[in-house]
Amino acid sequence: MDKIRIIIADDHQLFRNGLKILLNAFPDFEVAGEASNGQEFLNIIKDTRADVALMDINMPEMDGIEATRKGLKQRPDMDIIALSMYGEEEYYYKMVDAGAKGFILKDSDISEVKEAILTVRKGGSYFSQELLYHVIQKIKHRENESKTANLSKREKEILIKICEGLSNQEIAEALFISKRTVDKHRANLLGKTNSKNTASLILYAIKNKLVEI
């Protein structure tokens, strides 16, 4: 089985060095490159194959949002996980819109980083529970400006299951319906909520109080 190749994009060298050592200790992982800003990241992926990028949000020259957007145009099959610090919740929706599939805190345990990488490689989305809590708290302290899409009861049920991390097949089994039906409902959910991916659906559900963490 091929190793999962990872690029670390962060402007702090000590942080990159530490994360690289920890990731390379896993037999299934290989750090294929490092970048100190978004432009360096774009230059690296021109010639370097990477499965996952761990992307700092705030970097000089080009931030993680722009680097994510441009990087996925170059390598649409790459999964990007945002490296976040407290207080950066305002950037989450922009990162999701740019195509990020996961968010983890910079001081997360390496086991959580590993779980995030494996989850996105399987097609899922990963949000640190601690980060989700802070997103919810921020939402609670401001007026909700969004309008909840006109979701059916079944669509809401499926959205909740998506937020629980279930695959389409697992949702089908839990609700006693076919996987094809779940696929159709998921497509409808993406359209109705203007969501690009599962990560965007999860943030939508939280913002509109359809799920509780």
C-alpha atoms as a PDB file:
ATOM      1  CA  MET A   1       0.000   0.000   0.000  1.00  0.00           C
ATOM      2  CA  ASP A   2       1.364   3.418  -0.992  1.00  0.00           C
ATOM      3  CA  LYS A   3       2.189   5.877   1.738  1.00  0.00           C
ATOM      4  CA  ILE A   4      -0.005   8.954   2.166  1.00  0.00           C
ATOM      5  CA  ARG A   5       2.143  11.850   0.967  1.00  0.00           C
ATOM      6  CA  ILE A   6       1.739  15.066   2.976  1.00  0.00           C
ATOM      7  CA  ILE A   7       2.787  18.675   2.471  1.00  0.00           C
ATOM      8  CA  ILE A   8       3.010  21.011   5.478  1.00  0.00           C
ATOM      9  CA  ALA A   9       2.387  24.696   4.740  1.00  0.00           C
ATOM     10  CA  ASP A  10       3.131  26.908   7.752  1.00  0.00           C
ATOM     11  CA  ASP A  11       5.346  29.949   8.264  1.00  0.00           C
ATOM     12  CA  HIS A  12       6.897  28.681  11.508  1.00  0.00           C
ATOM     13  CA  GLN A  13       9.844  26.410  10.839  1.00  0.00           C
ATOM     14  CA  LEU A  14       9.983  24.925  14.333  1.00  0.00           C
ATOM     15  CA  PHE A  15       6.324  23.912  14.046  1.00  0.00           C
ATOM     16  CA  ARG A  16       6.933  22.333  10.611  1.00  0.00           C
ATOM     17  CA  ASN A  17       9.980  20.471  11.857  1.00  0.00           C
ATOM     18  CA  GLY A  18       8.143  19.037  14.857  1.00  0.00           C
ATOM     19  CA  LEU A  19       5.090  18.023  12.847  1.00  0.00           C
ATOM     20  CA  LYS A  20       7.278  16.456  10.155  1.00  0.00           C
ATOM     21  CA  ILE A  21       9.100  14.261  12.701  1.00  0.00           C
ATOM     22  CA  LEU A  22       5.813  13.120  14.250  1.00  0.00           C
ATOM     23  CA  LEU A  23       4.140  12.371  10.906  1.00  0.00           C
ATOM     24  CA  ASN A  24       7.123  10.514   9.462  1.00  0.00           C
ATOM     25  CA  ALA A  25       7.057   8.249  12.519  1.00  0.00           C
ATOM     26  CA  PHE A  26       3.853   6.683  11.151  1.00  0.00           C
ATOM     27  CA  PRO A  27       4.659   3.929   8.623  1.00  0.00           C
ATOM     28  CA  ASP A  28       1.752   4.946   6.364  1.00  0.00           C
ATOM     29  CA  PHE A  29       2.733   8.639   6.158  1.00  0.00           C
ATOM     30  CA  GLU A  30       5.476  10.505   4.343  1.00  0.00           C
ATOM     31  CA  VAL A  31       6.065  14.261   4.451  1.00  0.00           C
ATOM     32  CA  ALA A  32       6.771  15.054   0.788  1.00  0.00           C
ATOM     33  CA  GLY A  33       7.385  18.778   1.137  1.00  0.00           C
ATOM     34  CA  GLU A  34       7.253  21.913   3.284  1.00  0.00           C
ATOM     35  CA  ALA A  35       6.256  25.497   2.505  1.00  0.00           C
ATOM     36  CA  SER A  36       6.521  28.683   4.559  1.00  0.00           C
ATOM     37  CA  ASN A  37       3.790  30.512   2.616  1.00  0.00           C
ATOM     38  CA  GLY A  38       1.058  29.945   0.055  1.00  0.00           C
ATOM     39  CA  GLN A  39       3.190  30.786  -2.965  1.00  0.00           C
ATOM     40  CA  GLU A  40       5.874  28.298  -1.942  1.00  0.00           C
ATOM     41  CA  PHE A  41       3.136  25.706  -1.544  1.00  0.00           C
ATOM     42  CA  LEU A  42       1.878  26.315  -5.095  1.00  0.00           C
ATOM     43  CA  ASN A  43       5.425  26.033  -6.436  1.00  0.00           C
ATOM     44  CA  ILE A  44       5.979  22.733  -4.612  1.00  0.00           C
ATOM     45  CA  ILE A  45       2.823  20.996  -5.851  1.00  0.00           C
ATOM     46  CA  LYS A  46       3.731  21.726  -9.470  1.00  0.00           C
ATOM     47  CA  ASP A  47       6.377  19.007  -9.289  1.00  0.00           C
ATOM     48  CA  THR A  48       5.515  17.088  -6.126  1.00  0.00           C
ATOM     49  CA  ARG A  49       2.674  14.602  -5.759  1.00  0.00           C
ATOM     50  CA  ALA A  50       0.803  15.064  -2.511  1.00  0.00           C
ATOM     51  CA  ASP A  51      -2.340  13.412  -1.177  1.00  0.00           C
ATOM     52  CA  VAL A  52      -2.910  15.764   1.764  1.00  0.00           C
ATOM     53  CA  ALA A  53      -1.859  19.314   2.594  1.00  0.00           C
ATOM     54  CA  LEU A  54      -1.853  20.625   6.156  1.00  0.00           C
ATOM     55  CA  MET A  55      -2.494  24.317   5.558  1.00  0.00           C
ATOM     56  CA  ASP A  56      -1.926  27.189   7.956  1.00  0.00           C
ATOM     57  CA  ILE A  57      -4.609  29.860   7.496  1.00  0.00           C
ATOM     58  CA  ASN A  58      -2.491  32.955   8.205  1.00  0.00           C
ATOM     59  CA  MET A  59       0.758  33.070   6.233  1.00  0.00           C
ATOM     60  CA  PRO A  60       2.775  35.883   4.612  1.00  0.00           C
ATOM     61  CA  GLU A  61       2.773  36.572   0.848  1.00  0.00           C
ATOM     62  CA  MET A  62      -0.244  34.321   0.251  1.00  0.00           C
ATOM     63  CA  ASP A  63      -2.597  33.089   2.964  1.00  0.00           C
ATOM     64  CA  GLY A  64      -4.034  29.606   3.318  1.00  0.00           C
ATOM     65  CA  ILE A  65      -7.393  30.543   1.835  1.00  0.00           C
ATOM     66  CA  GLU A  66      -5.964  31.676  -1.497  1.00  0.00           C
ATOM     67  CA  ALA A  67      -3.398  28.866  -1.503  1.00  0.00           C
ATOM     68  CA  THR A  68      -6.175  26.312  -0.958  1.00  0.00           C
ATOM     69  CA  ARG A  69      -8.287  27.716  -3.766  1.00  0.00           C
ATOM     70  CA  LYS A  70      -5.415  27.887  -6.249  1.00  0.00           C
ATOM     71  CA  GLY A  71      -3.870  24.629  -5.093  1.00  0.00           C
ATOM     72  CA  LEU A  72      -7.034  22.631  -5.699  1.00  0.00           C
ATOM     73  CA  LYS A  73      -7.259  24.031  -9.217  1.00  0.00           C
ATOM     74  CA  GLN A  74      -3.812  22.557  -9.850  1.00  0.00           C
ATOM     75  CA  ARG A  75      -4.403  19.338  -7.908  1.00  0.00           C
ATOM     76  CA  PRO A  76      -8.156  18.722  -7.506  1.00  0.00           C
ATOM     77  CA  ASP A  77      -7.556  15.236  -6.075  1.00  0.00           C
ATOM     78  CA  MET A  78      -5.581  16.621  -3.108  1.00  0.00           C
ATOM     79  CA  ASP A  79      -7.245  16.920   0.320  1.00  0.00           C
ATOM     80  CA  ILE A  80      -6.569  20.035   2.381  1.00  0.00           C
ATOM     81  CA  ILE A  81      -6.833  20.243   6.165  1.00  0.00           C
ATOM     82  CA  ALA A  82      -6.656  23.688   7.764  1.00  0.00           C
ATOM     83  CA  LEU A  83      -4.314  24.250  10.700  1.00  0.00           C
ATOM     84  CA  SER A  84      -6.114  26.654  12.995  1.00  0.00           C
ATOM     85  CA  MET A  85      -5.590  28.676  16.142  1.00  0.00           C
ATOM     86  CA  TYR A  86      -8.242  30.006  18.509  1.00  0.00           C
ATOM     87  CA  GLY A  87      -9.894  33.173  17.254  1.00  0.00           C
ATOM     88  CA  GLU A  88      -9.752  32.246  13.569  1.00  0.00           C
ATOM     89  CA  GLU A  89     -13.384  31.118  13.322  1.00  0.00           C
ATOM     90  CA  GLU A  90     -14.152  33.983  10.929  1.00  0.00           C
ATOM     91  CA  TYR A  91     -11.975  32.271   8.310  1.00  0.00           C
ATOM     92  CA  TYR A  92     -13.595  28.833   8.507  1.00  0.00           C
ATOM     93  CA  TYR A  93     -16.365  29.488   6.019  1.00  0.00           C
ATOM     94  CA  LYS A  94     -13.838  30.990   3.578  1.00  0.00           C
ATOM     95  CA  MET A  95     -11.605  27.938   3.935  1.00  0.00           C
ATOM     96  CA  VAL A  96     -14.528  25.575   3.387  1.00  0.00           C
ATOM     97  CA  ASP A  97     -15.617  27.603   0.376  1.00  0.00           C
ATOM     98  CA  ALA A  98     -12.061  27.350  -0.964  1.00  0.00           C
ATOM     99  CA  GLY A  99     -12.269  23.555  -0.641  1.00  0.00           C
ATOM    100  CA  ALA A 100     -10.773  22.595   2.747  1.00  0.00           C
ATOM    101  CA  LYS A 101     -12.109  19.288   4.063  1.00  0.00           C
ATOM    102  CA  GLY A 102     -10.974  19.499   7.647  1.00  0.00           C
ATOM    103  CA  PHE A 103      -9.942  21.750  10.534  1.00  0.00           C
ATOM    104  CA  ILE A 104      -7.627  20.906  13.404  1.00  0.00           C
ATOM    105  CA  LEU A 105      -6.056  23.031  16.112  1.00  0.00           C
ATOM    106  CA  LYS A 106      -2.319  23.589  15.892  1.00  0.00           C
ATOM    107  CA  ASP A 107      -1.871  22.238  19.405  1.00  0.00           C
ATOM    108  CA  SER A 108      -3.850  19.062  18.692  1.00  0.00           C
ATOM    109  CA  ASP A 109      -2.415  15.730  19.730  1.00  0.00           C
ATOM    110  CA  ILE A 110      -0.679  13.908  16.858  1.00  0.00           C
ATOM    111  CA  SER A 111      -3.276  11.124  17.136  1.00  0.00           C
ATOM    112  CA  GLU A 112      -5.972  13.634  16.143  1.00  0.00           C
ATOM    113  CA  VAL A 113      -3.872  14.829  13.192  1.00  0.00           C
ATOM    114  CA  LYS A 114      -3.550  11.219  12.079  1.00  0.00           C
ATOM    115  CA  GLU A 115      -7.307  10.670  12.421  1.00  0.00           C
ATOM    116  CA  ALA A 116      -8.021  13.821  10.390  1.00  0.00           C
ATOM    117  CA  ILE A 117      -5.712  12.730   7.573  1.00  0.00           C
ATOM    118  CA  LEU A 118      -7.150   9.219   7.387  1.00  0.00           C
ATOM    119  CA  THR A 119     -10.715  10.567   7.498  1.00  0.00           C
ATOM    120  CA  VAL A 120     -10.316  12.969   4.578  1.00  0.00           C
ATOM    121  CA  ARG A 121      -8.469  10.344   2.530  1.00  0.00           C
ATOM    122  CA  LYS A 122     -11.530   8.106   2.909  1.00  0.00           C
ATOM    123  CA  GLY A 123     -13.703  10.878   1.484  1.00  0.00           C
ATOM    124  CA  GLY A 124     -14.943  12.329   4.759  1.00  0.00           C
ATOM    125  CA  SER A 125     -14.544  15.662   6.526  1.00  0.00           C
ATOM    126  CA  TYR A 126     -12.875  16.232   9.860  1.00  0.00           C
ATOM    127  CA  PHE A 127     -13.542  18.957  12.433  1.00  0.00           C
ATOM    128  CA  SER A 128     -11.835  19.081  15.782  1.00  0.00           C
ATOM    129  CA  GLN A 129     -14.583  18.889  18.412  1.00  0.00           C
ATOM    130  CA  GLU A 130     -12.928  21.740  20.268  1.00  0.00           C
ATOM    131  CA  LEU A 131     -13.048  23.900  17.154  1.00  0.00           C
ATOM    132  CA  LEU A 132     -16.696  23.051  16.549  1.00  0.00           C
ATOM    133  CA  TYR A 133     -17.481  24.146  20.106  1.00  0.00           C
ATOM    134  CA  HIS A 134     -15.865  27.540  19.480  1.00  0.00           C
ATOM    135  CA  VAL A 135     -17.714  27.932  16.171  1.00  0.00           C
ATOM    136  CA  ILE A 136     -21.002  27.269  17.945  1.00  0.00           C
ATOM    137  CA  GLN A 137     -20.207  29.708  20.746  1.00  0.00           C
ATOM    138  CA  LYS A 138     -19.406  32.415  18.215  1.00  0.00           C
ATOM    139  CA  ILE A 139     -22.644  31.775  16.354  1.00  0.00           C
ATOM    140  CA  LYS A 140     -24.631  31.969  19.590  1.00  0.00           C
ATOM    141  CA  HIS A 141     -23.248  35.441  20.277  1.00  0.00           C
ATOM    142  CA  ARG A 142     -24.297  36.964  17.002  1.00  0.00           C
ATOM    143  CA  GLU A 143     -27.542  37.248  15.084  1.00  0.00           C
ATOM    144  CA  ASN A 144     -27.990  34.456  12.601  1.00  0.00           C
ATOM    145  CA  GLU A 145     -28.094  36.207   9.244  1.00  0.00           C
ATOM    146  CA  SER A 146     -28.636  33.116   7.127  1.00  0.00           C
ATOM    147  CA  LYS A 147     -31.940  31.655   6.042  1.00  0.00           C
ATOM    148  CA  THR A 148     -32.519  27.986   6.611  1.00  0.00           C
ATOM    149  CA  ALA A 149     -33.136  26.228   3.315  1.00  0.00           C
ATOM    150  CA  ASN A 150     -36.501  24.538   2.909  1.00  0.00           C
ATOM    151  CA  LEU A 151     -35.319  21.060   3.839  1.00  0.00           C
ATOM    152  CA  SER A 152     -37.662  18.104   4.040  1.00  0.00           C
ATOM    153  CA  LYS A 153     -37.857  15.954   7.169  1.00  0.00           C
ATOM    154  CA  ARG A 154     -35.891  13.200   5.408  1.00  0.00           C
ATOM    155  CA  GLU A 155     -33.222  15.646   4.225  1.00  0.00           C
ATOM    156  CA  LYS A 156     -32.780  16.906   7.785  1.00  0.00           C
ATOM    157  CA  GLU A 157     -32.463  13.311   9.024  1.00  0.00           C
ATOM    158  CA  ILE A 158     -29.775  12.613   6.452  1.00  0.00           C
ATOM    159  CA  LEU A 159     -27.967  15.878   7.195  1.00  0.00           C
ATOM    160  CA  ILE A 160     -27.800  14.938  10.881  1.00  0.00           C
ATOM    161  CA  LYS A 161     -26.348  11.535   9.954  1.00  0.00           C
ATOM    162  CA  ILE A 162     -23.776  13.236   7.712  1.00  0.00           C
ATOM    163  CA  CYS A 163     -22.765  15.421  10.666  1.00  0.00           C
ATOM    164  CA  GLU A 164     -22.322  12.243  12.730  1.00  0.00           C
ATOM    165  CA  GLY A 165     -19.710  11.137  10.204  1.00  0.00           C
ATOM    166  CA  LEU A 166     -21.686   8.318   8.590  1.00  0.00           C
ATOM    167  CA  SER A 167     -21.042   7.298   4.980  1.00  0.00           C
ATOM    168  CA  ASN A 168     -23.899   7.149   2.469  1.00  0.00           C
ATOM    169  CA  GLN A 169     -24.028   3.363   2.837  1.00  0.00           C
ATOM    170  CA  GLU A 170     -24.158   3.616   6.643  1.00  0.00           C
ATOM    171  CA  ILE A 171     -26.909   6.251   6.439  1.00  0.00           C
ATOM    172  CA  ALA A 172     -28.902   3.997   4.115  1.00  0.00           C
ATOM    173  CA  GLU A 173     -28.655   1.107   6.576  1.00  0.00           C
ATOM    174  CA  ALA A 174     -29.547   3.307   9.572  1.00  0.00           C
ATOM    175  CA  LEU A 175     -32.641   4.759   7.878  1.00  0.00           C
ATOM    176  CA  PHE A 176     -33.643   1.556   6.044  1.00  0.00           C
ATOM    177  CA  ILE A 177     -33.483   3.151   2.608  1.00  0.00           C
ATOM    178  CA  SER A 178     -31.318   2.493  -0.443  1.00  0.00           C
ATOM    179  CA  LYS A 179     -27.884   4.025  -0.893  1.00  0.00           C
ATOM    180  CA  ARG A 180     -29.111   5.459  -4.199  1.00  0.00           C
ATOM    181  CA  THR A 181     -31.827   7.356  -2.321  1.00  0.00           C
ATOM    182  CA  VAL A 182     -29.240   8.733   0.119  1.00  0.00           C
ATOM    183  CA  ASP A 183     -27.030   9.793  -2.813  1.00  0.00           C
ATOM    184  CA  LYS A 184     -29.967  11.719  -4.276  1.00  0.00           C
ATOM    185  CA  HIS A 185     -30.832  13.397  -0.963  1.00  0.00           C
ATOM    186  CA  ARG A 186     -27.185  14.367  -0.408  1.00  0.00           C
ATOM    187  CA  ALA A 187     -27.063  15.957  -3.863  1.00  0.00           C
ATOM    188  CA  ASN A 188     -30.278  17.860  -3.059  1.00  0.00           C
ATOM    189  CA  LEU A 189     -28.801  19.036   0.247  1.00  0.00           C
ATOM    190  CA  LEU A 190     -25.699  20.377  -1.472  1.00  0.00           C
ATOM    191  CA  GLY A 191     -27.856  22.272  -3.954  1.00  0.00           C
ATOM    192  CA  LYS A 192     -30.375  23.665  -1.475  1.00  0.00           C
ATOM    193  CA  THR A 193     -27.732  24.873   0.968  1.00  0.00           C
ATOM    194  CA  ASN A 194     -25.250  26.108  -1.659  1.00  0.00           C
ATOM    195  CA  SER A 195     -22.654  23.795  -0.157  1.00  0.00           C
ATOM    196  CA  LYS A 196     -19.634  22.586  -2.096  1.00  0.00           C
ATOM    197  CA  ASN A 197     -18.818  19.554   0.018  1.00  0.00           C
ATOM    198  CA  THR A 198     -19.503  17.683   3.245  1.00  0.00           C
ATOM    199  CA  ALA A 199     -17.460  20.125   5.337  1.00  0.00           C
ATOM    200  CA  SER A 200     -19.637  22.974   4.087  1.00  0.00           C
ATOM    201  CA  LEU A 201     -22.799  20.975   4.898  1.00  0.00           C
ATOM    202  CA  ILE A 202     -21.609  20.415   8.465  1.00  0.00           C
ATOM    203  CA  LEU A 203     -20.954  24.121   9.040  1.00  0.00           C
ATOM    204  CA  TYR A 204     -24.350  24.918   7.505  1.00  0.00           C
ATOM    205  CA  ALA A 205     -26.075  22.517   9.898  1.00  0.00           C
ATOM    206  CA  ILE A 206     -24.307  24.044  12.906  1.00  0.00           C
ATOM    207  CA  LYS A 207     -24.941  27.615  11.831  1.00  0.00           C
ATOM    208  CA  ASN A 208     -28.641  26.921  11.392  1.00  0.00           C
ATOM    209  CA  LYS A 209     -28.917  24.955  14.662  1.00  0.00           C
ATOM    210  CA  LEU A 210     -29.949  21.734  12.937  1.00  0.00           C
ATOM    211  CA  VAL A 211     -27.455  19.798  15.041  1.00  0.00           C
ATOM    212  CA  GLU A 212     -25.991  20.220  18.503  1.00  0.00           C
ATOM    213  CA  ILE A 213     -22.442  19.418  19.511  1.00  0.00           C
END
